[in-house]
Amino acid sequence: MSNIFQNIPDDLQEEFFEDILVSDKLKIERIVSFGHTSPKEGWYKQDKNEWVILLDGEAVISFKDGEDIKLEKGDYLNIPLHVEHKVLWTKANYKTIWLAIFY
């Protein structure tokens, strides 16, 4: 058994990604941000749908069409495949914990 809030590295110089479950059609990933954002250039444009929930912290996801969505603890969002997006902001000096499901 594991706990989604435990075994997080103390040193978060870079955003932390951990695969929890991976199969041919499904991937569940834990992401921990500590004031991290997506690279300034480029957008994520994934070949799978992504359902994401913010388990702790705060973040803003920006879409290439100009929409920005602020997420707080408990908020979730479905991002259809090929929709260009990026993480514009996460709370500084705080471990923002995401659960992402790619399908």
PDB file of N, CA and C in Angstrom:
ATOM      1  N   MET A   1       0.844  -1.179   0.000  1.00  0.00           N
ATOM      2  CA  MET A   1       0.000   0.000   0.000  1.00  0.00           C
ATOM      3  C   MET A   1       0.887   1.239   0.000  1.00  0.00           C
ATOM      4  N   SER A   2       0.414   2.281  -0.620  1.00  0.00           N
ATOM      5  CA  SER A   2       1.121   3.562  -0.666  1.00  0.00           C
ATOM      6  C   SER A   2       0.156   4.678  -0.288  1.00  0.00           C
ATOM      7  N   ASN A   3       0.719   5.855  -0.044  1.00  0.00           N
ATOM      8  CA  ASN A   3      -0.072   7.028   0.314  1.00  0.00           C
ATOM      9  C   ASN A   3       0.331   8.168  -0.615  1.00  0.00           C
ATOM     10  N   ILE A   4      -0.641   8.790  -1.246  1.00  0.00           N
ATOM     11  CA  ILE A   4      -0.395   9.839  -2.246  1.00  0.00           C
ATOM     12  C   ILE A   4       0.337  11.047  -1.661  1.00  0.00           C
ATOM     13  N   PHE A   5       0.236  11.247  -0.336  1.00  0.00           N
ATOM     14  CA  PHE A   5       0.842  12.406   0.311  1.00  0.00           C
ATOM     15  C   PHE A   5       2.199  12.097   0.947  1.00  0.00           C
ATOM     16  N   GLN A   6       2.675  10.874   0.811  1.00  0.00           N
ATOM     17  CA  GLN A   6       3.955  10.493   1.414  1.00  0.00           C
ATOM     18  C   GLN A   6       5.000  10.194   0.347  1.00  0.00           C
ATOM     19  N   ASN A   7       6.237  10.060   0.814  1.00  0.00           N
ATOM     20  CA  ASN A   7       7.372   9.747  -0.055  1.00  0.00           C
ATOM     21  C   ASN A   7       7.566  10.772  -1.168  1.00  0.00           C
ATOM     22  N   ILE A   8       7.403  12.031  -0.793  1.00  0.00           N
ATOM     23  CA  ILE A   8       7.670  13.143  -1.712  1.00  0.00           C
ATOM     24  C   ILE A   8       9.091  13.619  -1.423  1.00  0.00           C
ATOM     25  N   PRO A   9       9.920  13.753  -2.441  1.00  0.00           N
ATOM     26  CA  PRO A   9      11.293  14.206  -2.199  1.00  0.00           C
ATOM     27  C   PRO A   9      11.320  15.570  -1.492  1.00  0.00           C
ATOM     28  N   ASP A  10      12.298  15.743  -0.609  1.00  0.00           N
ATOM     29  CA  ASP A  10      12.465  17.029   0.072  1.00  0.00           C
ATOM     30  C   ASP A  10      13.004  18.087  -0.880  1.00  0.00           C
ATOM     31  N   ASP A  11      13.897  17.675  -1.782  1.00  0.00           N
ATOM     32  CA  ASP A  11      14.513  18.599  -2.728  1.00  0.00           C
ATOM     33  C   ASP A  11      13.693  18.609  -4.010  1.00  0.00           C
ATOM     34  N   LEU A  12      12.959  19.674  -4.219  1.00  0.00           N
ATOM     35  CA  LEU A  12      12.119  19.779  -5.419  1.00  0.00           C
ATOM     36  C   LEU A  12      12.637  20.890  -6.331  1.00  0.00           C
ATOM     37  N   GLN A  13      13.922  20.776  -6.705  1.00  0.00           N
ATOM     38  CA  GLN A  13      14.498  21.729  -7.651  1.00  0.00           C
ATOM     39  C   GLN A  13      13.762  21.665  -8.991  1.00  0.00           C
ATOM     40  N   GLU A  14      13.288  20.457  -9.321  1.00  0.00           N
ATOM     41  CA  GLU A  14      12.501  20.252 -10.531  1.00  0.00           C
ATOM     42  C   GLU A  14      11.167  19.627 -10.132  1.00  0.00           C
ATOM     43  N   GLU A  15      10.188  19.807 -10.974  1.00  0.00           N
ATOM     44  CA  GLU A  15       8.884  19.197 -10.735  1.00  0.00           C
ATOM     45  C   GLU A  15       9.060  17.673 -10.654  1.00  0.00           C
ATOM     46  N   PHE A  16       8.307  17.031  -9.771  1.00  0.00           N
ATOM     47  CA  PHE A  16       8.426  15.591  -9.526  1.00  0.00           C
ATOM     48  C   PHE A  16       7.278  14.860 -10.211  1.00  0.00           C
ATOM     49  N   PHE A  17       7.608  13.848 -11.015  1.00  0.00           N
ATOM     50  CA  PHE A  17       6.627  13.028 -11.716  1.00  0.00           C
ATOM     51  C   PHE A  17       6.812  11.582 -11.280  1.00  0.00           C
ATOM     52  N   GLU A  18       5.705  10.909 -10.959  1.00  0.00           N
ATOM     53  CA  GLU A  18       5.775   9.507 -10.558  1.00  0.00           C
ATOM     54  C   GLU A  18       4.613   8.731 -11.174  1.00  0.00           C
ATOM     55  N   ASP A  19       4.935   7.707 -11.954  1.00  0.00           N
ATOM     56  CA  ASP A  19       3.903   6.827 -12.493  1.00  0.00           C
ATOM     57  C   ASP A  19       3.375   5.951 -11.366  1.00  0.00           C
ATOM     58  N   ILE A  20       2.063   5.948 -11.196  1.00  0.00           N
ATOM     59  CA  ILE A  20       1.423   5.105 -10.180  1.00  0.00           C
ATOM     60  C   ILE A  20       0.925   3.817 -10.813  1.00  0.00           C
ATOM     61  N   LEU A  21       0.346   3.940 -12.006  1.00  0.00           N
ATOM     62  CA  LEU A  21      -0.167   2.783 -12.730  1.00  0.00           C
ATOM     63  C   LEU A  21      -0.072   3.074 -14.224  1.00  0.00           C
ATOM     64  N   VAL A  22       0.430   2.107 -14.968  1.00  0.00           N
ATOM     65  CA  VAL A  22       0.552   2.282 -16.413  1.00  0.00           C
ATOM     66  C   VAL A  22       0.082   1.005 -17.096  1.00  0.00           C
ATOM     67  N   SER A  23      -0.800   1.169 -18.085  1.00  0.00           N
ATOM     68  CA  SER A  23      -1.229   0.061 -18.933  1.00  0.00           C
ATOM     69  C   SER A  23      -1.293   0.576 -20.367  1.00  0.00           C
ATOM     70  N   ASP A  24      -1.734  -0.277 -21.276  1.00  0.00           N
ATOM     71  CA  ASP A  24      -1.818   0.142 -22.676  1.00  0.00           C
ATOM     72  C   ASP A  24      -2.765   1.319 -22.886  1.00  0.00           C
ATOM     73  N   LYS A  25      -3.834   1.396 -22.111  1.00  0.00           N
ATOM     74  CA  LYS A  25      -4.865   2.405 -22.339  1.00  0.00           C
ATOM     75  C   LYS A  25      -5.001   3.441 -21.233  1.00  0.00           C
ATOM     76  N   LEU A  26      -4.214   3.287 -20.157  1.00  0.00           N
ATOM     77  CA  LEU A  26      -4.391   4.152 -18.999  1.00  0.00           C
ATOM     78  C   LEU A  26      -3.060   4.414 -18.311  1.00  0.00           C
ATOM     79  N   LYS A  27      -2.869   5.656 -17.886  1.00  0.00           N
ATOM     80  CA  LYS A  27      -1.696   6.000 -17.079  1.00  0.00           C
ATOM     81  C   LYS A  27      -2.170   6.926 -15.959  1.00  0.00           C
ATOM     82  N   ILE A  28      -1.805   6.587 -14.729  1.00  0.00           N
ATOM     83  CA  ILE A  28      -2.101   7.429 -13.574  1.00  0.00           C
ATOM     84  C   ILE A  28      -0.770   7.931 -13.045  1.00  0.00           C
ATOM     85  N   GLU A  29      -0.674   9.241 -12.883  1.00  0.00           N
ATOM     86  CA  GLU A  29       0.592   9.863 -12.535  1.00  0.00           C
ATOM     87  C   GLU A  29       0.403  10.852 -11.392  1.00  0.00           C
ATOM     88  N   ARG A  30       1.331  10.817 -10.435  1.00  0.00           N
ATOM     89  CA  ARG A  30       1.365  11.836  -9.383  1.00  0.00           C
ATOM     90  C   ARG A  30       2.406  12.871  -9.802  1.00  0.00           C
ATOM     91  N   ILE A  31       2.028  14.133  -9.671  1.00  0.00           N
ATOM     92  CA  ILE A  31       2.924  15.239 -10.001  1.00  0.00           C
ATOM     93  C   ILE A  31       2.986  16.147  -8.775  1.00  0.00           C
ATOM     94  N   VAL A  32       4.196  16.573  -8.426  1.00  0.00           N
ATOM     95  CA  VAL A  32       4.357  17.506  -7.318  1.00  0.00           C
ATOM     96  C   VAL A  32       5.109  18.719  -7.839  1.00  0.00           C
ATOM     97  N   SER A  33       4.471  19.879  -7.709  1.00  0.00           N
ATOM     98  CA  SER A  33       5.067  21.150  -8.118  1.00  0.00           C
ATOM     99  C   SER A  33       5.407  21.947  -6.860  1.00  0.00           C
ATOM    100  N   PHE A  34       6.430  22.769  -6.949  1.00  0.00           N
ATOM    101  CA  PHE A  34       6.849  23.608  -5.827  1.00  0.00           C
ATOM    102  C   PHE A  34       7.180  24.984  -6.407  1.00  0.00           C
ATOM    103  N   GLY A  35       6.120  25.639  -6.902  1.00  0.00           N
ATOM    104  CA  GLY A  35       6.313  26.900  -7.611  1.00  0.00           C
ATOM    105  C   GLY A  35       6.717  26.699  -9.066  1.00  0.00           C
ATOM    106  N   HIS A  36       6.698  25.457  -9.539  1.00  0.00           N
ATOM    107  CA  HIS A  36       7.103  25.161 -10.911  1.00  0.00           C
ATOM    108  C   HIS A  36       6.006  25.533 -11.909  1.00  0.00           C
ATOM    109  N   THR A  37       6.433  25.797 -13.123  1.00  0.00           N
ATOM    110  CA  THR A  37       5.519  26.049 -14.239  1.00  0.00           C
ATOM    111  C   THR A  37       6.028  25.273 -15.449  1.00  0.00           C
ATOM    112  N   SER A  38       5.230  25.264 -16.495  1.00  0.00           N
ATOM    113  CA  SER A  38       5.680  24.671 -17.757  1.00  0.00           C
ATOM    114  C   SER A  38       6.768  25.561 -18.355  1.00  0.00           C
ATOM    115  N   PRO A  39       7.586  25.002 -19.245  1.00  0.00           N
ATOM    116  CA  PRO A  39       8.576  25.851 -19.927  1.00  0.00           C
ATOM    117  C   PRO A  39       7.889  27.035 -20.603  1.00  0.00           C
ATOM    118  N   LYS A  40       8.560  28.182 -20.619  1.00  0.00           N
ATOM    119  CA  LYS A  40       7.968  29.404 -21.180  1.00  0.00           C
ATOM    120  C   LYS A  40       7.591  29.233 -22.650  1.00  0.00           C
ATOM    121  N   GLU A  41       8.405  28.475 -23.384  1.00  0.00           N
ATOM    122  CA  GLU A  41       8.106  28.261 -24.795  1.00  0.00           C
ATOM    123  C   GLU A  41       7.493  26.886 -24.988  1.00  0.00           C
ATOM    124  N   GLY A  42       6.542  26.809 -25.865  1.00  0.00           N
ATOM    125  CA  GLY A  42       5.921  25.529 -26.181  1.00  0.00           C
ATOM    126  C   GLY A  42       4.704  25.244 -25.318  1.00  0.00           C
ATOM    127  N   TRP A  43       3.906  24.321 -25.799  1.00  0.00           N
ATOM    128  CA  TRP A  43       2.662  23.924 -25.146  1.00  0.00           C
ATOM    129  C   TRP A  43       2.612  22.402 -25.102  1.00  0.00           C
ATOM    130  N   TYR A  44       1.950  21.866 -24.071  1.00  0.00           N
ATOM    131  CA  TYR A  44       1.664  20.433 -24.065  1.00  0.00           C
ATOM    132  C   TYR A  44       0.562  20.187 -25.075  1.00  0.00           C
ATOM    133  N   LYS A  45       0.756  19.195 -25.925  1.00  0.00           N
ATOM    134  CA  LYS A  45      -0.254  18.779 -26.910  1.00  0.00           C
ATOM    135  C   LYS A  45      -0.198  17.265 -26.928  1.00  0.00           C
ATOM    136  N   GLN A  46      -0.999  16.649 -26.088  1.00  0.00           N
ATOM    137  CA  GLN A  46      -0.888  15.222 -25.813  1.00  0.00           C
ATOM    138  C   GLN A  46      -1.767  14.383 -26.727  1.00  0.00           C
ATOM    139  N   ASP A  47      -1.340  13.145 -26.909  1.00  0.00           N
ATOM    140  CA  ASP A  47      -2.073  12.197 -27.748  1.00  0.00           C
ATOM    141  C   ASP A  47      -3.137  11.437 -26.973  1.00  0.00           C
ATOM    142  N   LYS A  48      -3.324  11.782 -25.703  1.00  0.00           N
ATOM    143  CA  LYS A  48      -4.357  11.158 -24.874  1.00  0.00           C
ATOM    144  C   LYS A  48      -5.133  12.240 -24.141  1.00  0.00           C
ATOM    145  N   ASN A  49      -6.350  11.922 -23.756  1.00  0.00           N
ATOM    146  CA  ASN A  49      -7.109  12.810 -22.882  1.00  0.00           C
ATOM    147  C   ASN A  49      -6.428  12.809 -21.515  1.00  0.00           C
ATOM    148  N   GLU A  50      -6.562  13.919 -20.792  1.00  0.00           N
ATOM    149  CA  GLU A  50      -5.993  14.003 -19.445  1.00  0.00           C
ATOM    150  C   GLU A  50      -7.044  14.544 -18.479  1.00  0.00           C
ATOM    151  N   TRP A  51      -7.322  13.742 -17.456  1.00  0.00           N
ATOM    152  CA  TRP A  51      -8.176  14.191 -16.356  1.00  0.00           C
ATOM    153  C   TRP A  51      -7.240  14.459 -15.195  1.00  0.00           C
ATOM    154  N   VAL A  52      -7.315  15.660 -14.625  1.00  0.00           N
ATOM    155  CA  VAL A  52      -6.389  16.040 -13.560  1.00  0.00           C
ATOM    156  C   VAL A  52      -7.166  16.618 -12.382  1.00  0.00           C
ATOM    157  N   ILE A  53      -6.742  16.260 -11.169  1.00  0.00           N
ATOM    158  CA  ILE A  53      -7.327  16.811  -9.955  1.00  0.00           C
ATOM    159  C   ILE A  53      -6.198  17.377  -9.104  1.00  0.00           C
ATOM    160  N   LEU A  54      -6.441  18.516  -8.495  1.00  0.00           N
ATOM    161  CA  LEU A  54      -5.481  19.118  -7.591  1.00  0.00           C
ATOM    162  C   LEU A  54      -5.816  18.644  -6.181  1.00  0.00           C
ATOM    163  N   LEU A  55      -4.949  17.808  -5.629  1.00  0.00           N
ATOM    164  CA  LEU A  55      -5.188  17.241  -4.302  1.00  0.00           C
ATOM    165  C   LEU A  55      -4.786  18.196  -3.193  1.00  0.00           C
ATOM    166  N   ASP A  56      -3.825  19.082  -3.468  1.00  0.00           N
ATOM    167  CA  ASP A  56      -3.381  20.076  -2.497  1.00  0.00           C
ATOM    168  C   ASP A  56      -2.664  21.187  -3.243  1.00  0.00           C
ATOM    169  N   GLY A  57      -2.771  22.400  -2.742  1.00  0.00           N
ATOM    170  CA  GLY A  57      -2.100  23.543  -3.346  1.00  0.00           C
ATOM    171  C   GLY A  57      -3.009  24.336  -4.256  1.00  0.00           C
ATOM    172  N   GLU A  58      -2.380  25.142  -5.107  1.00  0.00           N
ATOM    173  CA  GLU A  58      -3.095  25.986  -6.060  1.00  0.00           C
ATOM    174  C   GLU A  58      -2.297  26.038  -7.354  1.00  0.00           C
ATOM    175  N   ALA A  59      -2.995  26.233  -8.471  1.00  0.00           N
ATOM    176  CA  ALA A  59      -2.331  26.288  -9.772  1.00  0.00           C
ATOM    177  C   ALA A  59      -3.216  27.018 -10.775  1.00  0.00           C
ATOM    178  N   VAL A  60      -2.597  27.436 -11.862  1.00  0.00           N
ATOM    179  CA  VAL A  60      -3.331  27.998 -12.999  1.00  0.00           C
ATOM    180  C   VAL A  60      -2.879  27.251 -14.243  1.00  0.00           C
ATOM    181  N   ILE A  61      -3.852  26.713 -14.972  1.00  0.00           N
ATOM    182  CA  ILE A  61      -3.587  26.081 -16.264  1.00  0.00           C
ATOM    183  C   ILE A  61      -4.039  27.055 -17.343  1.00  0.00           C
ATOM    184  N   SER A  62      -3.167  27.289 -18.302  1.00  0.00           N
ATOM    185  CA  SER A  62      -3.450  28.205 -19.401  1.00  0.00           C
ATOM    186  C   SER A  62      -3.635  27.399 -20.678  1.00  0.00           C
ATOM    187  N   PHE A  63      -4.621  27.786 -21.447  1.00  0.00           N
ATOM    188  CA  PHE A  63      -4.889  27.136 -22.731  1.00  0.00           C
ATOM    189  C   PHE A  63      -4.490  28.078 -23.854  1.00  0.00           C
ATOM    190  N   LYS A  64      -4.023  27.513 -24.946  1.00  0.00           N
ATOM    191  CA  LYS A  64      -3.533  28.318 -26.070  1.00  0.00           C
ATOM    192  C   LYS A  64      -4.614  29.233 -26.631  1.00  0.00           C
ATOM    193  N   ASP A  65      -5.887  28.863 -26.436  1.00  0.00           N
ATOM    194  CA  ASP A  65      -6.977  29.711 -26.928  1.00  0.00           C
ATOM    195  C   ASP A  65      -7.182  30.957 -26.060  1.00  0.00           C
ATOM    196  N   GLY A  66      -6.374  31.105 -24.985  1.00  0.00           N
ATOM    197  CA  GLY A  66      -6.445  32.308 -24.150  1.00  0.00           C
ATOM    198  C   GLY A  66      -7.135  32.120 -22.819  1.00  0.00           C
ATOM    199  N   GLU A  67      -7.763  30.980 -22.590  1.00  0.00           N
ATOM    200  CA  GLU A  67      -8.459  30.733 -21.329  1.00  0.00           C
ATOM    201  C   GLU A  67      -7.470  30.295 -20.253  1.00  0.00           C
ATOM    202  N   ASP A  68      -7.576  30.904 -19.084  1.00  0.00           N
ATOM    203  CA  ASP A  68      -6.802  30.505 -17.915  1.00  0.00           C
ATOM    204  C   ASP A  68      -7.768  29.990 -16.861  1.00  0.00           C
ATOM    205  N   ILE A  69      -7.439  28.852 -16.248  1.00  0.00           N
ATOM    206  CA  ILE A  69      -8.301  28.269 -15.225  1.00  0.00           C
ATOM    207  C   ILE A  69      -7.502  28.113 -13.940  1.00  0.00           C
ATOM    208  N   LYS A  70      -7.992  28.752 -12.869  1.00  0.00           N
ATOM    209  CA  LYS A  70      -7.352  28.621 -11.562  1.00  0.00           C
ATOM    210  C   LYS A  70      -7.937  27.397 -10.869  1.00  0.00           C
ATOM    211  N   LEU A  71      -7.042  26.545 -10.377  1.00  0.00           N
ATOM    212  CA  LEU A  71      -7.439  25.345  -9.651  1.00  0.00           C
ATOM    213  C   LEU A  71      -7.019  25.480  -8.195  1.00  0.00           C
ATOM    214  N   GLU A  72      -7.908  25.085  -7.304  1.00  0.00           N
ATOM    215  CA  GLU A  72      -7.618  25.021  -5.884  1.00  0.00           C
ATOM    216  C   GLU A  72      -7.859  23.598  -5.427  1.00  0.00           C
ATOM    217  N   LYS A  73      -7.448  23.304  -4.224  1.00  0.00           N
ATOM    218  CA  LYS A  73      -7.568  21.961  -3.660  1.00  0.00           C
ATOM    219  C   LYS A  73      -8.950  21.368  -3.947  1.00  0.00           C
ATOM    220  N   GLY A  74      -8.955  20.191  -4.574  1.00  0.00           N
ATOM    221  CA  GLY A  74     -10.200  19.491  -4.882  1.00  0.00           C
ATOM    222  C   GLY A  74     -10.751  19.755  -6.268  1.00  0.00           C
ATOM    223  N   ASP A  75     -10.269  20.791  -6.947  1.00  0.00           N
ATOM    224  CA  ASP A  75     -10.752  21.096  -8.294  1.00  0.00           C
ATOM    225  C   ASP A  75     -10.185  20.095  -9.296  1.00  0.00           C
ATOM    226  N   TYR A  76     -11.011  19.709 -10.259  1.00  0.00           N
ATOM    227  CA  TYR A  76     -10.545  18.805 -11.309  1.00  0.00           C
ATOM    228  C   TYR A  76     -10.994  19.308 -12.665  1.00  0.00           C
ATOM    229  N   LEU A  77     -10.338  18.783 -13.692  1.00  0.00           N
ATOM    230  CA  LEU A  77     -10.505  19.297 -15.037  1.00  0.00           C
ATOM    231  C   LEU A  77     -10.199  18.184 -16.030  1.00  0.00           C
ATOM    232  N   ASN A  78     -10.951  18.114 -17.107  1.00  0.00           N
ATOM    233  CA  ASN A  78     -10.669  17.179 -18.194  1.00  0.00           C
ATOM    234  C   ASN A  78     -10.114  17.970 -19.369  1.00  0.00           C
ATOM    235  N   ILE A  79      -8.962  17.539 -19.850  1.00  0.00           N
ATOM    236  CA  ILE A  79      -8.315  18.201 -20.985  1.00  0.00           C
ATOM    237  C   ILE A  79      -8.322  17.219 -22.153  1.00  0.00           C
ATOM    238  N   PRO A  80      -9.125  17.497 -23.185  1.00  0.00           N
ATOM    239  CA  PRO A  80      -9.191  16.582 -24.325  1.00  0.00           C
ATOM    240  C   PRO A  80      -7.849  16.483 -25.054  1.00  0.00           C
ATOM    241  N   LEU A  81      -7.626  15.334 -25.695  1.00  0.00           N
ATOM    242  CA  LEU A  81      -6.393  15.152 -26.439  1.00  0.00           C
ATOM    243  C   LEU A  81      -6.203  16.264 -27.460  1.00  0.00           C
ATOM    244  N   HIS A  82      -4.972  16.616 -27.710  1.00  0.00           N
ATOM    245  CA  HIS A  82      -4.535  17.623 -28.678  1.00  0.00           C
ATOM    246  C   HIS A  82      -4.891  19.062 -28.293  1.00  0.00           C
ATOM    247  N   VAL A  83      -5.500  19.296 -27.150  1.00  0.00           N
ATOM    248  CA  VAL A  83      -5.784  20.670 -26.710  1.00  0.00           C
ATOM    249  C   VAL A  83      -4.502  21.221 -26.083  1.00  0.00           C
ATOM    250  N   GLU A  84      -3.979  22.293 -26.637  1.00  0.00           N
ATOM    251  CA  GLU A  84      -2.710  22.843 -26.179  1.00  0.00           C
ATOM    252  C   GLU A  84      -2.895  23.617 -24.878  1.00  0.00           C
ATOM    253  N   HIS A  85      -2.028  23.288 -23.911  1.00  0.00           N
ATOM    254  CA  HIS A  85      -2.143  23.878 -22.578  1.00  0.00           C
ATOM    255  C   HIS A  85      -0.789  23.869 -21.886  1.00  0.00           C
ATOM    256  N   LYS A  86      -0.694  24.610 -20.787  1.00  0.00           N
ATOM    257  CA  LYS A  86       0.517  24.622 -19.968  1.00  0.00           C
ATOM    258  C   LYS A  86       0.156  25.043 -18.554  1.00  0.00           C
ATOM    259  N   VAL A  87       1.049  24.739 -17.631  1.00  0.00           N
ATOM    260  CA  VAL A  87       0.890  25.188 -16.252  1.00  0.00           C
ATOM    261  C   VAL A  87       1.519  26.577 -16.181  1.00  0.00           C
ATOM    262  N   LEU A  88       0.686  27.566 -15.958  1.00  0.00           N
ATOM    263  CA  LEU A  88       1.123  28.958 -15.939  1.00  0.00           C
ATOM    264  C   LEU A  88       1.687  29.354 -14.575  1.00  0.00           C
ATOM    265  N   TRP A  89       1.150  28.745 -13.497  1.00  0.00           N
ATOM    266  CA  TRP A  89       1.538  29.143 -12.138  1.00  0.00           C
ATOM    267  C   TRP A  89       1.193  28.028 -11.161  1.00  0.00           C
ATOM    268  N   THR A  90       2.063  27.802 -10.183  1.00  0.00           N
ATOM    269  CA  THR A  90       1.737  27.003  -9.006  1.00  0.00           C
ATOM    270  C   THR A  90       2.212  27.777  -7.786  1.00  0.00           C
ATOM    271  N   LYS A  91       1.579  27.515  -6.672  1.00  0.00           N
ATOM    272  CA  LYS A  91       1.863  28.233  -5.430  1.00  0.00           C
ATOM    273  C   LYS A  91       3.342  28.088  -5.049  1.00  0.00           C
ATOM    274  N   ALA A  92       3.988  29.206  -4.783  1.00  0.00           N
ATOM    275  CA  ALA A  92       5.407  29.210  -4.419  1.00  0.00           C
ATOM    276  C   ALA A  92       5.602  28.646  -3.016  1.00  0.00           C
ATOM    277  N   ASN A  93       6.719  27.936  -2.842  1.00  0.00           N
ATOM    278  CA  ASN A  93       7.107  27.402  -1.524  1.00  0.00           C
ATOM    279  C   ASN A  93       6.021  26.538  -0.888  1.00  0.00           C
ATOM    280  N   TYR A  94       5.306  25.805  -1.730  1.00  0.00           N
ATOM    281  CA  TYR A  94       4.235  24.926  -1.255  1.00  0.00           C
ATOM    282  C   TYR A  94       4.182  23.720  -2.184  1.00  0.00           C
ATOM    283  N   LYS A  95       4.031  22.547  -1.631  1.00  0.00           N
ATOM    284  CA  LYS A  95       3.966  21.333  -2.456  1.00  0.00           C
ATOM    285  C   LYS A  95       2.554  21.169  -3.017  1.00  0.00           C
ATOM    286  N   THR A  96       2.406  21.537  -4.268  1.00  0.00           N
ATOM    287  CA  THR A  96       1.143  21.358  -4.978  1.00  0.00           C
ATOM    288  C   THR A  96       1.137  19.936  -5.525  1.00  0.00           C
ATOM    289  N   ILE A  97       0.122  19.174  -5.142  1.00  0.00           N
ATOM    290  CA  ILE A  97       0.064  17.753  -5.511  1.00  0.00           C
ATOM    291  C   ILE A  97      -1.089  17.530  -6.495  1.00  0.00           C
ATOM    292  N   TRP A  98      -0.738  16.991  -7.644  1.00  0.00           N
ATOM    293  CA  TRP A  98      -1.678  16.702  -8.725  1.00  0.00           C
ATOM    294  C   TRP A  98      -1.829  15.184  -8.859  1.00  0.00           C
ATOM    295  N   LEU A  99      -2.975  14.747  -9.318  1.00  0.00           N
ATOM    296  CA  LEU A  99      -3.168  13.389  -9.779  1.00  0.00           C
ATOM    297  C   LEU A  99      -3.678  13.501 -11.202  1.00  0.00           C
ATOM    298  N   ALA A 100      -2.932  12.958 -12.153  1.00  0.00           N
ATOM    299  CA  ALA A 100      -3.298  13.041 -13.566  1.00  0.00           C
ATOM    300  C   ALA A 100      -3.600  11.641 -14.090  1.00  0.00           C
ATOM    301  N   ILE A 101      -4.702  11.533 -14.795  1.00  0.00           N
ATOM    302  CA  ILE A 101      -5.086  10.274 -15.412  1.00  0.00           C
ATOM    303  C   ILE A 101      -5.151  10.499 -16.919  1.00  0.00           C
ATOM    304  N   PHE A 102      -4.308   9.779 -17.626  1.00  0.00           N
ATOM    305  CA  PHE A 102      -4.261   9.868 -19.093  1.00  0.00           C
ATOM    306  C   PHE A 102      -4.986   8.654 -19.650  1.00  0.00           C
ATOM    307  N   TYR A 103      -5.917   8.901 -20.582  1.00  0.00           N
ATOM    308  CA  TYR A 103      -6.715   7.802 -21.131  1.00  0.00           C
ATOM    309  C   TYR A 103      -7.001   8.026 -22.603  1.00  0.00           C
TER     310      TYR A 103
END
